[in-house]
Amino acid sequence: MSIDEKLSRIEKLVLLQAKEVLNVAEVGILLNLSSSRIYHLVSAREIPHYKKGKLVFFKKTEIEKWLLQDRIPTNQELEDKATTYVSLNK
């Protein structure tokens, strides 16, 4: 990727920060995915979206929440959960 391409991507990401509603291309930029991959996620109903006719829109806060939905617990959290389970289920 050239310097110009990188600068263009950075510029687009900065502009996305001010928007609340995004289109397919903008979500692609935000997630670093192709538009066709975004359309695939939409058709599989795997990504939260809205449709107005043939147009597809996304609420940025919902996309951010969707990205963070499958949090992996830390080892310490797993140990704490195991300790609690063992102490409650003797």
PDB file of N, CA and C in Angstrom:
ATOM      1  N   MET A   1       0.856  -1.176   0.000  1.00  0.00           N
ATOM      2  CA  MET A   1       0.000   0.000   0.000  1.00  0.00           C
ATOM      3  C   MET A   1       0.901   1.237   0.000  1.00  0.00           C
ATOM      4  N   SER A   2       0.632   2.156  -0.920  1.00  0.00           N
ATOM      5  CA  SER A   2       1.465   3.347  -1.046  1.00  0.00           C
ATOM      6  C   SER A   2       1.119   4.380   0.029  1.00  0.00           C
ATOM      7  N   ILE A   3       1.972   5.364   0.170  1.00  0.00           N
ATOM      8  CA  ILE A   3       1.755   6.441   1.135  1.00  0.00           C
ATOM      9  C   ILE A   3       0.452   7.175   0.839  1.00  0.00           C
ATOM     10  N   ASP A   4       0.183   7.425  -0.451  1.00  0.00           N
ATOM     11  CA  ASP A   4      -1.048   8.123  -0.831  1.00  0.00           C
ATOM     12  C   ASP A   4      -2.287   7.316  -0.444  1.00  0.00           C
ATOM     13  N   GLU A   5      -2.219   6.000  -0.650  1.00  0.00           N
ATOM     14  CA  GLU A   5      -3.347   5.144  -0.268  1.00  0.00           C
ATOM     15  C   GLU A   5      -3.551   5.143   1.240  1.00  0.00           C
ATOM     16  N   LYS A   6      -2.454   5.098   1.969  1.00  0.00           N
ATOM     17  CA  LYS A   6      -2.546   5.122   3.431  1.00  0.00           C
ATOM     18  C   LYS A   6      -3.126   6.446   3.927  1.00  0.00           C
ATOM     19  N   LEU A   7      -2.673   7.550   3.344  1.00  0.00           N
ATOM     20  CA  LEU A   7      -3.196   8.861   3.729  1.00  0.00           C
ATOM     21  C   LEU A   7      -4.680   8.979   3.396  1.00  0.00           C
ATOM     22  N   SER A   8      -5.074   8.445   2.254  1.00  0.00           N
ATOM     23  CA  SER A   8      -6.482   8.477   1.858  1.00  0.00           C
ATOM     24  C   SER A   8      -7.327   7.678   2.844  1.00  0.00           C
ATOM     25  N   ARG A   9      -6.836   6.514   3.252  1.00  0.00           N
ATOM     26  CA  ARG A   9      -7.562   5.687   4.230  1.00  0.00           C
ATOM     27  C   ARG A   9      -7.674   6.405   5.570  1.00  0.00           C
ATOM     28  N   ILE A  10      -6.609   7.029   6.005  1.00  0.00           N
ATOM     29  CA  ILE A  10      -6.629   7.779   7.272  1.00  0.00           C
ATOM     30  C   ILE A  10      -7.630   8.920   7.194  1.00  0.00           C
ATOM     31  N   GLU A  11      -7.638   9.633   6.086  1.00  0.00           N
ATOM     32  CA  GLU A  11      -8.578  10.737   5.893  1.00  0.00           C
ATOM     33  C   GLU A  11     -10.026  10.241   5.968  1.00  0.00           C
ATOM     34  N   LYS A  12     -10.310   9.116   5.324  1.00  0.00           N
ATOM     35  CA  LYS A  12     -11.662   8.560   5.346  1.00  0.00           C
ATOM     36  C   LYS A  12     -12.056   8.143   6.764  1.00  0.00           C
ATOM     37  N   LEU A  13     -11.123   7.539   7.504  1.00  0.00           N
ATOM     38  CA  LEU A  13     -11.411   7.134   8.879  1.00  0.00           C
ATOM     39  C   LEU A  13     -11.699   8.335   9.772  1.00  0.00           C
ATOM     40  N   VAL A  14     -10.967   9.425   9.570  1.00  0.00           N
ATOM     41  CA  VAL A  14     -11.199  10.646  10.344  1.00  0.00           C
ATOM     42  C   VAL A  14     -12.584  11.209  10.032  1.00  0.00           C
ATOM     43  N   LEU A  15     -12.966  11.221   8.778  1.00  0.00           N
ATOM     44  CA  LEU A  15     -14.284  11.724   8.383  1.00  0.00           C
ATOM     45  C   LEU A  15     -15.410  10.857   8.942  1.00  0.00           C
ATOM     46  N   LEU A  16     -15.169   9.552   9.072  1.00  0.00           N
ATOM     47  CA  LEU A  16     -16.186   8.639   9.614  1.00  0.00           C
ATOM     48  C   LEU A  16     -16.479   8.911  11.083  1.00  0.00           C
ATOM     49  N   GLN A  17     -15.522   9.485  11.796  1.00  0.00           N
ATOM     50  CA  GLN A  17     -15.715   9.740  13.221  1.00  0.00           C
ATOM     51  C   GLN A  17     -16.867  10.690  13.484  1.00  0.00           C
ATOM     52  N   ALA A  18     -17.167  11.575  12.556  1.00  0.00           N
ATOM     53  CA  ALA A  18     -18.233  12.563  12.742  1.00  0.00           C
ATOM     54  C   ALA A  18     -19.603  12.028  12.333  1.00  0.00           C
ATOM     55  N   LYS A  19     -19.647  10.892  11.679  1.00  0.00           N
ATOM     56  CA  LYS A  19     -20.920  10.363  11.177  1.00  0.00           C
ATOM     57  C   LYS A  19     -21.534   9.375  12.161  1.00  0.00           C
ATOM     58  N   GLU A  20     -22.863   9.328  12.171  1.00  0.00           N
ATOM     59  CA  GLU A  20     -23.592   8.358  12.997  1.00  0.00           C
ATOM     60  C   GLU A  20     -24.161   7.229  12.159  1.00  0.00           C
ATOM     61  N   VAL A  21     -24.526   7.530  10.917  1.00  0.00           N
ATOM     62  CA  VAL A  21     -25.097   6.539  10.009  1.00  0.00           C
ATOM     63  C   VAL A  21     -24.114   6.336   8.858  1.00  0.00           C
ATOM     64  N   LEU A  22     -23.816   5.069   8.581  1.00  0.00           N
ATOM     65  CA  LEU A  22     -22.812   4.745   7.573  1.00  0.00           C
ATOM     66  C   LEU A  22     -23.418   3.919   6.453  1.00  0.00           C
ATOM     67  N   ASN A  23     -22.798   3.992   5.280  1.00  0.00           N
ATOM     68  CA  ASN A  23     -23.209   3.137   4.170  1.00  0.00           C
ATOM     69  C   ASN A  23     -22.258   1.940   4.078  1.00  0.00           C
ATOM     70  N   VAL A  24     -22.483   1.086   3.095  1.00  0.00           N
ATOM     71  CA  VAL A  24     -21.687  -0.138   2.960  1.00  0.00           C
ATOM     72  C   VAL A  24     -20.202   0.172   2.788  1.00  0.00           C
ATOM     73  N   ALA A  25     -19.869   1.115   1.920  1.00  0.00           N
ATOM     74  CA  ALA A  25     -18.461   1.448   1.675  1.00  0.00           C
ATOM     75  C   ALA A  25     -17.793   1.961   2.946  1.00  0.00           C
ATOM     76  N   GLU A  26     -18.503   2.788   3.700  1.00  0.00           N
ATOM     77  CA  GLU A  26     -17.935   3.352   4.927  1.00  0.00           C
ATOM     78  C   GLU A  26     -17.727   2.275   5.997  1.00  0.00           C
ATOM     79  N   VAL A  27     -18.659   1.341   6.107  1.00  0.00           N
ATOM     80  CA  VAL A  27     -18.483   0.239   7.052  1.00  0.00           C
ATOM     81  C   VAL A  27     -17.304  -0.631   6.612  1.00  0.00           C
ATOM     82  N   GLY A  28     -17.153  -0.800   5.313  1.00  0.00           N
ATOM     83  CA  GLY A  28     -16.003  -1.534   4.792  1.00  0.00           C
ATOM     84  C   GLY A  28     -14.690  -0.894   5.195  1.00  0.00           C
ATOM     85  N   ILE A  29     -14.637   0.433   5.127  1.00  0.00           N
ATOM     86  CA  ILE A  29     -13.439   1.161   5.537  1.00  0.00           C
ATOM     87  C   ILE A  29     -13.219   0.991   7.035  1.00  0.00           C
ATOM     88  N   LEU A  30     -14.277   1.145   7.799  1.00  0.00           N
ATOM     89  CA  LEU A  30     -14.190   1.045   9.251  1.00  0.00           C
ATOM     90  C   LEU A  30     -13.711  -0.336   9.691  1.00  0.00           C
ATOM     91  N   LEU A  31     -14.209  -1.388   9.039  1.00  0.00           N
ATOM     92  CA  LEU A  31     -13.873  -2.760   9.425  1.00  0.00           C
ATOM     93  C   LEU A  31     -12.716  -3.355   8.627  1.00  0.00           C
ATOM     94  N   ASN A  32     -12.236  -2.596   7.642  1.00  0.00           N
ATOM     95  CA  ASN A  32     -11.172  -3.061   6.749  1.00  0.00           C
ATOM     96  C   ASN A  32     -11.612  -4.335   6.000  1.00  0.00           C
ATOM     97  N   LEU A  33     -12.854  -4.290   5.505  1.00  0.00           N
ATOM     98  CA  LEU A  33     -13.426  -5.389   4.731  1.00  0.00           C
ATOM     99  C   LEU A  33     -13.918  -4.851   3.394  1.00  0.00           C
ATOM    100  N   SER A  34     -14.026  -5.725   2.409  1.00  0.00           N
ATOM    101  CA  SER A  34     -14.540  -5.303   1.104  1.00  0.00           C
ATOM    102  C   SER A  34     -16.051  -5.088   1.179  1.00  0.00           C
ATOM    103  N   SER A  35     -16.558  -4.318   0.243  1.00  0.00           N
ATOM    104  CA  SER A  35     -18.007  -4.094   0.177  1.00  0.00           C
ATOM    105  C   SER A  35     -18.743  -5.405  -0.045  1.00  0.00           C
ATOM    106  N   SER A  36     -18.174  -6.294  -0.849  1.00  0.00           N
ATOM    107  CA  SER A  36     -18.843  -7.576  -1.092  1.00  0.00           C
ATOM    108  C   SER A  36     -18.919  -8.397   0.196  1.00  0.00           C
ATOM    109  N   ARG A  37     -17.907  -8.317   1.043  1.00  0.00           N
ATOM    110  CA  ARG A  37     -17.947  -9.032   2.321  1.00  0.00           C
ATOM    111  C   ARG A  37     -19.022  -8.428   3.232  1.00  0.00           C
ATOM    112  N   ILE A  38     -19.151  -7.099   3.212  1.00  0.00           N
ATOM    113  CA  ILE A  38     -20.184  -6.439   4.009  1.00  0.00           C
ATOM    114  C   ILE A  38     -21.566  -6.892   3.522  1.00  0.00           C
ATOM    115  N   TYR A  39     -21.775  -6.924   2.196  1.00  0.00           N
ATOM    116  CA  TYR A  39     -23.054  -7.386   1.657  1.00  0.00           C
ATOM    117  C   TYR A  39     -23.321  -8.843   2.046  1.00  0.00           C
ATOM    118  N   HIS A  40     -22.281  -9.656   2.071  1.00  0.00           N
ATOM    119  CA  HIS A  40     -22.448 -11.048   2.505  1.00  0.00           C
ATOM    120  C   HIS A  40     -22.918 -11.110   3.962  1.00  0.00           C
ATOM    121  N   LEU A  41     -22.294 -10.311   4.839  1.00  0.00           N
ATOM    122  CA  LEU A  41     -22.706 -10.266   6.249  1.00  0.00           C
ATOM    123  C   LEU A  41     -24.148  -9.786   6.387  1.00  0.00           C
ATOM    124  N   VAL A  42     -24.529  -8.828   5.549  1.00  0.00           N
ATOM    125  CA  VAL A  42     -25.912  -8.320   5.560  1.00  0.00           C
ATOM    126  C   VAL A  42     -26.878  -9.418   5.130  1.00  0.00           C
ATOM    127  N   SER A  43     -26.582 -10.092   4.029  1.00  0.00           N
ATOM    128  CA  SER A  43     -27.515 -11.109   3.529  1.00  0.00           C
ATOM    129  C   SER A  43     -27.612 -12.292   4.482  1.00  0.00           C
ATOM    130  N   ALA A  44     -26.552 -12.560   5.231  1.00  0.00           N
ATOM    131  CA  ALA A  44     -26.576 -13.642   6.221  1.00  0.00           C
ATOM    132  C   ALA A  44     -27.149 -13.165   7.565  1.00  0.00           C
ATOM    133  N   ARG A  45     -27.510 -11.884   7.623  1.00  0.00           N
ATOM    134  CA  ARG A  45     -28.039 -11.265   8.851  1.00  0.00           C
ATOM    135  C   ARG A  45     -27.086 -11.433  10.035  1.00  0.00           C
ATOM    136  N   GLU A  46     -25.790 -11.291   9.750  1.00  0.00           N
ATOM    137  CA  GLU A  46     -24.769 -11.420  10.778  1.00  0.00           C
ATOM    138  C   GLU A  46     -24.308 -10.074  11.322  1.00  0.00           C
ATOM    139  N   ILE A  47     -24.693  -9.001  10.665  1.00  0.00           N
ATOM    140  CA  ILE A  47     -24.272  -7.660  11.070  1.00  0.00           C
ATOM    141  C   ILE A  47     -25.535  -6.802  11.200  1.00  0.00           C
ATOM    142  N   PRO A  48     -25.631  -5.986  12.249  1.00  0.00           N
ATOM    143  CA  PRO A  48     -26.831  -5.151  12.391  1.00  0.00           C
ATOM    144  C   PRO A  48     -26.887  -4.091  11.287  1.00  0.00           C
ATOM    145  N   HIS A  49     -28.050  -3.980  10.647  1.00  0.00           N
ATOM    146  CA  HIS A  49     -28.187  -3.046   9.534  1.00  0.00           C
ATOM    147  C   HIS A  49     -29.641  -2.612   9.367  1.00  0.00           C
ATOM    148  N   TYR A  50     -29.818  -1.614   8.500  1.00  0.00           N
ATOM    149  CA  TYR A  50     -31.139  -1.079   8.158  1.00  0.00           C
ATOM    150  C   TYR A  50     -31.217  -1.019   6.640  1.00  0.00           C
ATOM    151  N   LYS A  51     -32.425  -1.197   6.097  1.00  0.00           N
ATOM    152  CA  LYS A  51     -32.612  -1.107   4.653  1.00  0.00           C
ATOM    153  C   LYS A  51     -33.685  -0.076   4.339  1.00  0.00           C
ATOM    154  N   LYS A  52     -33.419   0.709   3.335  1.00  0.00           N
ATOM    155  CA  LYS A  52     -34.383   1.666   2.786  1.00  0.00           C
ATOM    156  C   LYS A  52     -34.404   1.398   1.293  1.00  0.00           C
ATOM    157  N   GLY A  53     -35.398   0.614   0.859  1.00  0.00           N
ATOM    158  CA  GLY A  53     -35.395   0.168  -0.533  1.00  0.00           C
ATOM    159  C   GLY A  53     -34.238  -0.795  -0.729  1.00  0.00           C
ATOM    160  N   LYS A  54     -33.384  -0.492  -1.703  1.00  0.00           N
ATOM    161  CA  LYS A  54     -32.209  -1.339  -1.948  1.00  0.00           C
ATOM    162  C   LYS A  54     -30.972  -0.836  -1.216  1.00  0.00           C
ATOM    163  N   LEU A  55     -31.080   0.318  -0.563  1.00  0.00           N
ATOM    164  CA  LEU A  55     -29.937   0.879   0.148  1.00  0.00           C
ATOM    165  C   LEU A  55     -29.794   0.257   1.526  1.00  0.00           C
ATOM    166  N   VAL A  56     -28.565   0.041   1.946  1.00  0.00           N
ATOM    167  CA  VAL A  56     -28.271  -0.547   3.252  1.00  0.00           C
ATOM    168  C   VAL A  56     -27.505   0.486   4.069  1.00  0.00           C
ATOM    169  N   PHE A  57     -27.941   0.658   5.329  1.00  0.00           N
ATOM    170  CA  PHE A  57     -27.304   1.606   6.235  1.00  0.00           C
ATOM    171  C   PHE A  57     -26.961   0.923   7.548  1.00  0.00           C
ATOM    172  N   PHE A  58     -26.036   1.511   8.261  1.00  0.00           N
ATOM    173  CA  PHE A  58     -25.574   0.973   9.530  1.00  0.00           C
ATOM    174  C   PHE A  58     -25.456   2.094  10.548  1.00  0.00           C
ATOM    175  N   LYS A  59     -25.811   1.811  11.787  1.00  0.00           N
ATOM    176  CA  LYS A  59     -25.618   2.755  12.872  1.00  0.00           C
ATOM    177  C   LYS A  59     -24.237   2.462  13.462  1.00  0.00           C
ATOM    178  N   LYS A  60     -23.376   3.471  13.467  1.00  0.00           N
ATOM    179  CA  LYS A  60     -21.988   3.262  13.868  1.00  0.00           C
ATOM    180  C   LYS A  60     -21.873   2.661  15.265  1.00  0.00           C
ATOM    181  N   THR A  61     -22.700   3.122  16.212  1.00  0.00           N
ATOM    182  CA  THR A  61     -22.614   2.590  17.572  1.00  0.00           C
ATOM    183  C   THR A  61     -22.976   1.104  17.614  1.00  0.00           C
ATOM    184  N   GLU A  62     -23.920   0.692  16.767  1.00  0.00           N
ATOM    185  CA  GLU A  62     -24.287  -0.726  16.710  1.00  0.00           C
ATOM    186  C   GLU A  62     -23.177  -1.574  16.105  1.00  0.00           C
ATOM    187  N   ILE A  63     -22.477  -1.020  15.114  1.00  0.00           N
ATOM    188  CA  ILE A  63     -21.350  -1.744  14.514  1.00  0.00           C
ATOM    189  C   ILE A  63     -20.232  -1.899  15.538  1.00  0.00           C
ATOM    190  N   GLU A  64     -19.957  -0.837  16.296  1.00  0.00           N
ATOM    191  CA  GLU A  64     -18.922  -0.919  17.330  1.00  0.00           C
ATOM    192  C   GLU A  64     -19.299  -1.939  18.396  1.00  0.00           C
ATOM    193  N   LYS A  65     -20.565  -1.956  18.798  1.00  0.00           N
ATOM    194  CA  LYS A  65     -21.036  -2.929  19.785  1.00  0.00           C
ATOM    195  C   LYS A  65     -20.930  -4.346  19.220  1.00  0.00           C
ATOM    196  N   TRP A  66     -21.311  -4.526  17.968  1.00  0.00           N
ATOM    197  CA  TRP A  66     -21.231  -5.824  17.303  1.00  0.00           C
ATOM    198  C   TRP A  66     -19.790  -6.327  17.270  1.00  0.00           C
ATOM    199  N   LEU A  67     -18.848  -5.428  16.992  1.00  0.00           N
ATOM    200  CA  LEU A  67     -17.429  -5.802  16.946  1.00  0.00           C
ATOM    201  C   LEU A  67     -16.937  -6.334  18.298  1.00  0.00           C
ATOM    202  N   LEU A  68     -17.465  -5.781  19.372  1.00  0.00           N
ATOM    203  CA  LEU A  68     -16.978  -6.115  20.713  1.00  0.00           C
ATOM    204  C   LEU A  68     -17.832  -7.145  21.430  1.00  0.00           C
ATOM    205  N   GLN A  69     -18.733  -7.824  20.740  1.00  0.00           N
ATOM    206  CA  GLN A  69     -19.683  -8.711  21.411  1.00  0.00           C
ATOM    207  C   GLN A  69     -19.083 -10.025  21.905  1.00  0.00           C
ATOM    208  N   ASP A  70     -18.018 -10.504  21.328  1.00  0.00           N
ATOM    209  CA  ASP A  70     -17.467 -11.800  21.712  1.00  0.00           C
ATOM    210  C   ASP A  70     -16.147 -11.642  22.467  1.00  0.00           C
ATOM    211  N   ARG A  71     -16.224 -10.990  23.603  1.00  0.00           N
ATOM    212  CA  ARG A  71     -15.026 -10.727  24.400  1.00  0.00           C
ATOM    213  C   ARG A  71     -14.464 -12.029  24.952  1.00  0.00           C
ATOM    214  N   ILE A  72     -13.164 -12.155  24.902  1.00  0.00           N
ATOM    215  CA  ILE A  72     -12.476 -13.318  25.445  1.00  0.00           C
ATOM    216  C   ILE A  72     -12.009 -12.963  26.860  1.00  0.00           C
ATOM    217  N   PRO A  73     -12.437 -13.761  27.865  1.00  0.00           N
ATOM    218  CA  PRO A  73     -12.033 -13.449  29.235  1.00  0.00           C
ATOM    219  C   PRO A  73     -10.537 -13.681  29.457  1.00  0.00           C
ATOM    220  N   THR A  74      -9.981 -12.927  30.386  1.00  0.00           N
ATOM    221  CA  THR A  74      -8.572 -13.105  30.727  1.00  0.00           C
ATOM    222  C   THR A  74      -8.407 -14.363  31.569  1.00  0.00           C
ATOM    223  N   ASN A  75      -7.171 -14.826  31.697  1.00  0.00           N
ATOM    224  CA  ASN A  75      -6.899 -15.994  32.541  1.00  0.00           C
ATOM    225  C   ASN A  75      -7.322 -15.728  33.980  1.00  0.00           C
ATOM    226  N   GLN A  76      -7.085 -14.513  34.460  1.00  0.00           N
ATOM    227  CA  GLN A  76      -7.460 -14.166  35.831  1.00  0.00           C
ATOM    228  C   GLN A  76      -8.972 -14.240  36.027  1.00  0.00           C
ATOM    229  N   GLU A  77      -9.735 -13.753  35.048  1.00  0.00           N
ATOM    230  CA  GLU A  77     -11.194 -13.827  35.130  1.00  0.00           C
ATOM    231  C   GLU A  77     -11.677 -15.278  35.150  1.00  0.00           C
ATOM    232  N   LEU A  78     -11.049 -16.128  34.346  1.00  0.00           N
ATOM    233  CA  LEU A  78     -11.414 -17.540  34.329  1.00  0.00           C
ATOM    234  C   LEU A  78     -11.088 -18.216  35.664  1.00  0.00           C
ATOM    235  N   GLU A  79      -9.927 -17.889  36.211  1.00  0.00           N
ATOM    236  CA  GLU A  79      -9.544 -18.440  37.512  1.00  0.00           C
ATOM    237  C   GLU A  79     -10.509 -17.995  38.601  1.00  0.00           C
ATOM    238  N   ASP A  80     -10.887 -16.716  38.598  1.00  0.00           N
ATOM    239  CA  ASP A  80     -11.836 -16.196  39.583  1.00  0.00           C
ATOM    240  C   ASP A  80     -13.190 -16.898  39.460  1.00  0.00           C
ATOM    241  N   LYS A  81     -13.628 -17.102  38.230  1.00  0.00           N
ATOM    242  CA  LYS A  81     -14.908 -17.773  38.002  1.00  0.00           C
ATOM    243  C   LYS A  81     -14.844 -19.225  38.486  1.00  0.00           C
ATOM    244  N   ALA A  82     -13.733 -19.892  38.217  1.00  0.00           N
ATOM    245  CA  ALA A  82     -13.569 -21.276  38.659  1.00  0.00           C
ATOM    246  C   ALA A  82     -13.540 -21.361  40.178  1.00  0.00           C
ATOM    247  N   THR A  83     -12.839 -20.446  40.826  1.00  0.00           N
ATOM    248  CA  THR A  83     -12.772 -20.421  42.285  1.00  0.00           C
ATOM    249  C   THR A  83     -14.148 -20.214  42.886  1.00  0.00           C
ATOM    250  N   THR A  84     -14.902 -19.285  42.335  1.00  0.00           N
ATOM    251  CA  THR A  84     -16.263 -19.021  42.803  1.00  0.00           C
ATOM    252  C   THR A  84     -17.142 -20.249  42.612  1.00  0.00           C
ATOM    253  N   TYR A  85     -17.046 -20.885  41.477  1.00  0.00           N
ATOM    254  CA  TYR A  85     -17.841 -22.076  41.195  1.00  0.00           C
ATOM    255  C   TYR A  85     -17.532 -23.205  42.179  1.00  0.00           C
ATOM    256  N   VAL A  86     -16.228 -23.433  42.408  1.00  0.00           N
ATOM    257  CA  VAL A  86     -15.822 -24.512  43.310  1.00  0.00           C
ATOM    258  C   VAL A  86     -16.304 -24.231  44.744  1.00  0.00           C
ATOM    259  N   SER A  87     -16.177 -22.972  45.173  1.00  0.00           N
ATOM    260  CA  SER A  87     -16.574 -22.660  46.541  1.00  0.00           C
ATOM    261  C   SER A  87     -18.086 -22.710  46.735  1.00  0.00           C
ATOM    262  N   LEU A  88     -18.872 -22.453  45.714  1.00  0.00           N
ATOM    263  CA  LEU A  88     -20.331 -22.492  45.820  1.00  0.00           C
ATOM    264  C   LEU A  88     -20.911 -23.873  45.585  1.00  0.00           C
ATOM    265  N   ASN A  89     -20.171 -24.751  44.946  1.00  0.00           N
ATOM    266  CA  ASN A  89     -20.692 -26.066  44.561  1.00  0.00           C
ATOM    267  C   ASN A  89     -19.902 -27.214  45.199  1.00  0.00           C
ATOM    268  N   LYS A  90     -19.688 -27.125  46.498  1.00  0.00           N
ATOM    269  CA  LYS A  90     -18.943 -28.183  47.194  1.00  0.00           C
ATOM    270  C   LYS A  90     -19.809 -29.382  47.429  1.00  0.00           C
TER     271      LYS A  90
END
